Amino acid sequence: MTGIIILAAGSSSRFGSPKQNLIYQGKTLLQRAIQTAITSASCESVLVVLGANEDEIRPHISDQQVNIVYNPQWQEGMASSIRLGISELQRLEPLTTSVLLMLCDQPFVDPLLIYQLTERKTENDSGIVACEYKSTFGVPALFDEKYFPHLKSLTGNEGAKKLINSYPEDVVSVPFALGAIDIDTIEDYERLNNR
């Protein structure tokens, strides 16, 4: 069974306001990420990790069919959200055998991409399936359960990339050129809306 963890606990410090709530094509970025996760038939459980600005973000997603968990240690960095997400997913769905980590600021992630990631794992039985863009591997990325202990031992700002780089022999990729587009600044958001 595959679960999806949407990491949405960051403070959007470079942006200046919660980018999780930015509107793109009629929905917030986080709502879009949740809809993508829910409609991807290849994943059975969706967990959203909130942190900074939770009181501003949660009302926009409280009607969604997802599990929402608050990370009180969000200031530590992304690793704390990954650790919490894995632990909570294992508690909610003990039969989880793989997890797909995604962010809410990559607006071009769609259900087809999630299907391709899970399908690639089925074909190759690799431990890690990562997206490939800008000559690098990154999220969304799918991790087999054998990596759960590694994910739960990440610290600070370490994220999925640390494991992807640590176990290159166990990584297969799915091309996703649009993965290079993420929203970190006002300029990124303006470029997105002008596409």
Protein backbone atom coordinates (compact mmCIF):
# COMPACT_ATOMS: atom_id res chain seq x y z
CA MET A 1 0.00 0.00 0.00
CA THR A 2 1.30 3.44 -0.94
CA GLY A 3 0.66 6.57 1.08
CA ILE A 4 1.25 10.18 0.07
CA ILE A 5 2.69 12.77 2.44
CA ILE A 6 2.24 16.39 1.37
CA LEU A 7 4.81 18.54 3.14
CA ALA A 8 3.22 21.94 3.79
CA ALA A 9 4.67 23.08 7.13
CA GLY A 10 7.15 25.69 5.89
CA SER A 11 6.89 29.37 6.77
CA SER A 12 7.32 30.61 3.17
CA SER A 13 9.96 32.99 4.53
CA ARG A 14 11.19 34.03 1.08
CA PHE A 15 7.65 34.65 -0.07
CA GLY A 16 6.38 36.75 2.82
CA SER A 17 2.95 35.11 3.18
CA PRO A 18 1.80 31.47 3.28
CA LYS A 19 2.35 30.22 -0.27
CA GLN A 20 0.19 27.20 0.58
CA ASN A 21 -2.77 29.62 0.19
CA LEU A 22 -1.71 31.16 -3.14
CA ILE A 23 -4.46 30.83 -5.72
CA TYR A 24 -3.62 29.19 -9.05
CA GLN A 25 -6.37 28.30 -11.52
CA GLY A 26 -9.09 28.76 -8.93
CA LYS A 27 -7.60 26.73 -6.09
CA THR A 28 -4.88 27.27 -3.51
CA LEU A 29 -1.58 25.53 -4.22
CA LEU A 30 -2.22 23.19 -1.29
CA GLN A 31 -5.77 22.42 -2.42
CA ARG A 32 -4.37 21.54 -5.87
CA ALA A 33 -1.74 19.25 -4.35
CA ILE A 34 -4.40 17.52 -2.24
CA GLN A 35 -6.73 17.07 -5.24
CA THR A 36 -3.85 15.60 -7.24
CA ALA A 37 -3.04 13.18 -4.43
CA ILE A 38 -6.66 12.16 -3.83
CA THR A 39 -7.42 11.58 -7.50
CA SER A 40 -4.31 9.48 -8.09
CA ALA A 41 -5.77 6.00 -7.92
CA SER A 42 -2.37 4.48 -7.21
CA CYS A 43 -2.15 5.81 -3.63
CA GLU A 44 -4.52 4.80 -0.85
CA SER A 45 -3.88 7.30 1.95
CA VAL A 46 -3.06 11.02 1.93
CA LEU A 47 -1.51 12.87 4.86
CA VAL A 48 -0.88 16.63 4.98
CA VAL A 49 1.73 17.99 7.39
CA LEU A 50 1.08 21.59 8.48
CA GLY A 51 3.26 23.79 10.68
CA ALA A 52 3.82 27.52 10.26
CA ASN A 53 0.64 29.54 9.69
CA GLU A 54 -1.50 26.49 10.42
CA ASP A 55 -4.44 28.66 11.56
CA GLU A 56 -4.44 30.44 8.18
CA ILE A 57 -4.00 27.30 6.08
CA ARG A 58 -6.12 24.63 7.77
CA PRO A 59 -9.51 26.34 7.13
CA HIS A 60 -8.88 26.11 3.36
CA ILE A 61 -8.38 22.33 3.49
CA SER A 62 -10.47 21.17 6.46
CA ASP A 63 -13.20 19.88 4.11
CA GLN A 64 -10.77 17.64 2.18
CA GLN A 65 -10.75 13.86 2.56
CA VAL A 66 -7.23 13.75 3.96
CA ASN A 67 -5.53 13.29 7.30
CA ILE A 68 -4.04 16.54 8.59
CA VAL A 69 -1.31 16.57 11.22
CA TYR A 70 0.36 19.57 12.88
CA ASN A 71 4.14 19.61 13.24
CA PRO A 72 5.07 21.64 16.33
CA GLN A 73 8.76 21.35 15.37
CA TRP A 74 8.35 22.88 11.91
CA GLN A 75 11.05 25.48 12.61
CA GLU A 76 13.67 22.74 12.65
CA GLY A 77 13.22 22.29 8.90
CA MET A 78 11.77 19.82 6.44
CA ALA A 79 13.23 16.75 8.18
CA SER A 80 10.89 17.19 11.17
CA SER A 81 7.85 17.08 8.87
CA ILE A 82 9.13 13.99 7.08
CA ARG A 83 9.76 12.20 10.39
CA LEU A 84 6.33 13.12 11.72
CA GLY A 85 4.66 12.24 8.41
CA ILE A 86 6.19 8.75 8.27
CA SER A 87 5.37 8.02 11.91
CA GLU A 88 1.79 9.24 11.54
CA LEU A 89 1.25 7.33 8.29
CA GLN A 90 2.52 4.13 9.94
CA ARG A 91 0.15 4.74 12.85
CA LEU A 92 -2.87 5.39 10.61
CA GLU A 93 -2.06 2.78 7.96
CA PRO A 94 0.18 0.04 9.44
CA LEU A 95 0.19 -1.84 6.12
CA THR A 96 1.89 1.02 4.24
CA THR A 97 4.73 -0.41 2.13
CA SER A 98 5.86 2.76 0.35
CA VAL A 99 5.44 6.49 0.64
CA LEU A 100 5.41 9.27 -1.90
CA LEU A 101 6.69 12.64 -0.68
CA MET A 102 5.38 15.73 -2.43
CA LEU A 103 5.33 19.48 -1.86
CA CYS A 104 2.55 21.96 -2.50
CA ASP A 105 4.66 24.48 -4.42
CA GLN A 106 5.19 22.39 -7.57
CA PRO A 107 1.96 23.28 -9.40
CA PHE A 108 2.48 20.95 -12.36
CA VAL A 109 2.46 17.70 -10.41
CA ASP A 110 -0.60 15.78 -11.62
CA PRO A 111 -2.21 12.36 -11.08
CA LEU A 112 -0.49 10.98 -14.19
CA LEU A 113 2.94 11.76 -12.74
CA ILE A 114 2.04 10.03 -9.48
CA TYR A 115 0.83 7.02 -11.46
CA GLN A 116 4.12 6.98 -13.42
CA LEU A 117 6.13 7.01 -10.19
CA THR A 118 4.20 4.10 -8.66
CA GLU A 119 4.21 2.18 -11.94
CA ARG A 120 7.98 2.62 -12.30
CA LYS A 121 8.43 1.10 -8.86
CA THR A 122 6.28 -1.88 -9.83
CA GLU A 123 8.32 -2.43 -13.00
CA ASN A 124 11.75 -2.09 -11.38
CA ASP A 125 11.27 -2.95 -7.74
CA SER A 126 13.72 -0.15 -6.95
CA GLY A 127 13.77 1.30 -3.46
CA ILE A 128 13.51 4.90 -4.64
CA VAL A 129 11.72 6.41 -7.64
CA ALA A 130 12.47 10.11 -8.08
CA CYS A 131 11.50 12.79 -10.56
CA GLU A 132 14.22 14.01 -12.87
CA TYR A 133 14.47 17.68 -13.83
CA LYS A 134 17.25 20.21 -14.38
CA SER A 135 19.82 17.36 -14.47
CA THR A 136 19.01 16.30 -10.92
CA PHE A 137 16.65 14.00 -9.03
CA GLY A 138 14.05 15.32 -6.61
CA VAL A 139 10.48 15.25 -5.38
CA PRO A 140 7.89 14.03 -5.87
CA ALA A 141 9.74 10.87 -4.91
CA LEU A 142 8.59 7.41 -3.86
CA PHE A 143 10.37 5.48 -1.11
CA ASP A 144 10.06 1.81 -0.27
CA GLU A 145 9.36 0.96 3.39
CA LYS A 146 12.98 -0.16 3.83
CA TYR A 147 13.85 3.55 3.74
CA PHE A 148 11.34 4.55 6.44
CA PRO A 149 13.98 4.31 9.21
CA HIS A 150 16.31 6.51 7.12
CA LEU A 151 13.55 9.05 6.51
CA LYS A 152 12.79 9.08 10.24
CA SER A 153 16.43 9.81 11.05
CA LEU A 154 16.74 12.95 8.88
CA THR A 155 17.53 16.17 10.73
CA GLY A 156 17.30 19.91 10.13
CA ASN A 157 16.75 20.95 6.53
CA GLU A 158 17.60 17.51 5.16
CA GLY A 159 14.94 16.19 2.82
CA ALA A 160 14.32 13.43 0.32
CA LYS A 161 17.33 14.52 -1.73
CA LYS A 162 19.74 13.34 0.95
CA LEU A 163 18.52 9.74 0.60
CA ILE A 164 18.29 9.97 -3.19
CA ASN A 165 21.95 11.04 -3.29
CA SER A 166 23.02 8.49 -0.65
CA TYR A 167 21.63 5.44 -2.48
CA PRO A 168 22.11 6.17 -6.21
CA GLU A 169 22.27 2.47 -7.08
CA ASP A 170 18.70 2.02 -5.79
CA VAL A 171 17.19 5.01 -7.64
CA VAL A 172 15.22 4.99 -10.88
CA SER A 173 13.75 8.15 -12.33
CA VAL A 174 10.72 9.53 -14.11
CA PRO A 175 11.33 12.58 -16.36
CA PHE A 176 9.41 15.63 -15.13
CA ALA A 177 10.81 18.80 -16.72
CA LEU A 178 8.07 20.96 -15.15
CA GLY A 179 9.30 19.86 -11.73
CA ALA A 180 11.85 22.64 -12.01
CA ILE A 181 9.02 25.14 -11.59
CA ASP A 182 8.34 25.78 -7.95
CA ILE A 183 7.04 28.83 -6.15
CA ASP A 184 9.55 30.36 -3.73
CA THR A 185 9.24 34.08 -4.50
CA ILE A 186 6.69 36.63 -5.68
CA GLU A 187 8.49 36.61 -9.04
CA ASP A 188 8.02 32.84 -9.34
CA TYR A 189 4.30 33.27 -8.67
CA GLU A 190 3.98 36.08 -11.23
CA ARG A 191 5.78 33.97 -13.84
CA LEU A 192 3.42 31.07 -13.09
CA ASN A 193 0.35 33.23 -13.62
CA ASN A 194 1.78 34.67 -16.83
CA ARG A 195 2.47 31.24 -18.39
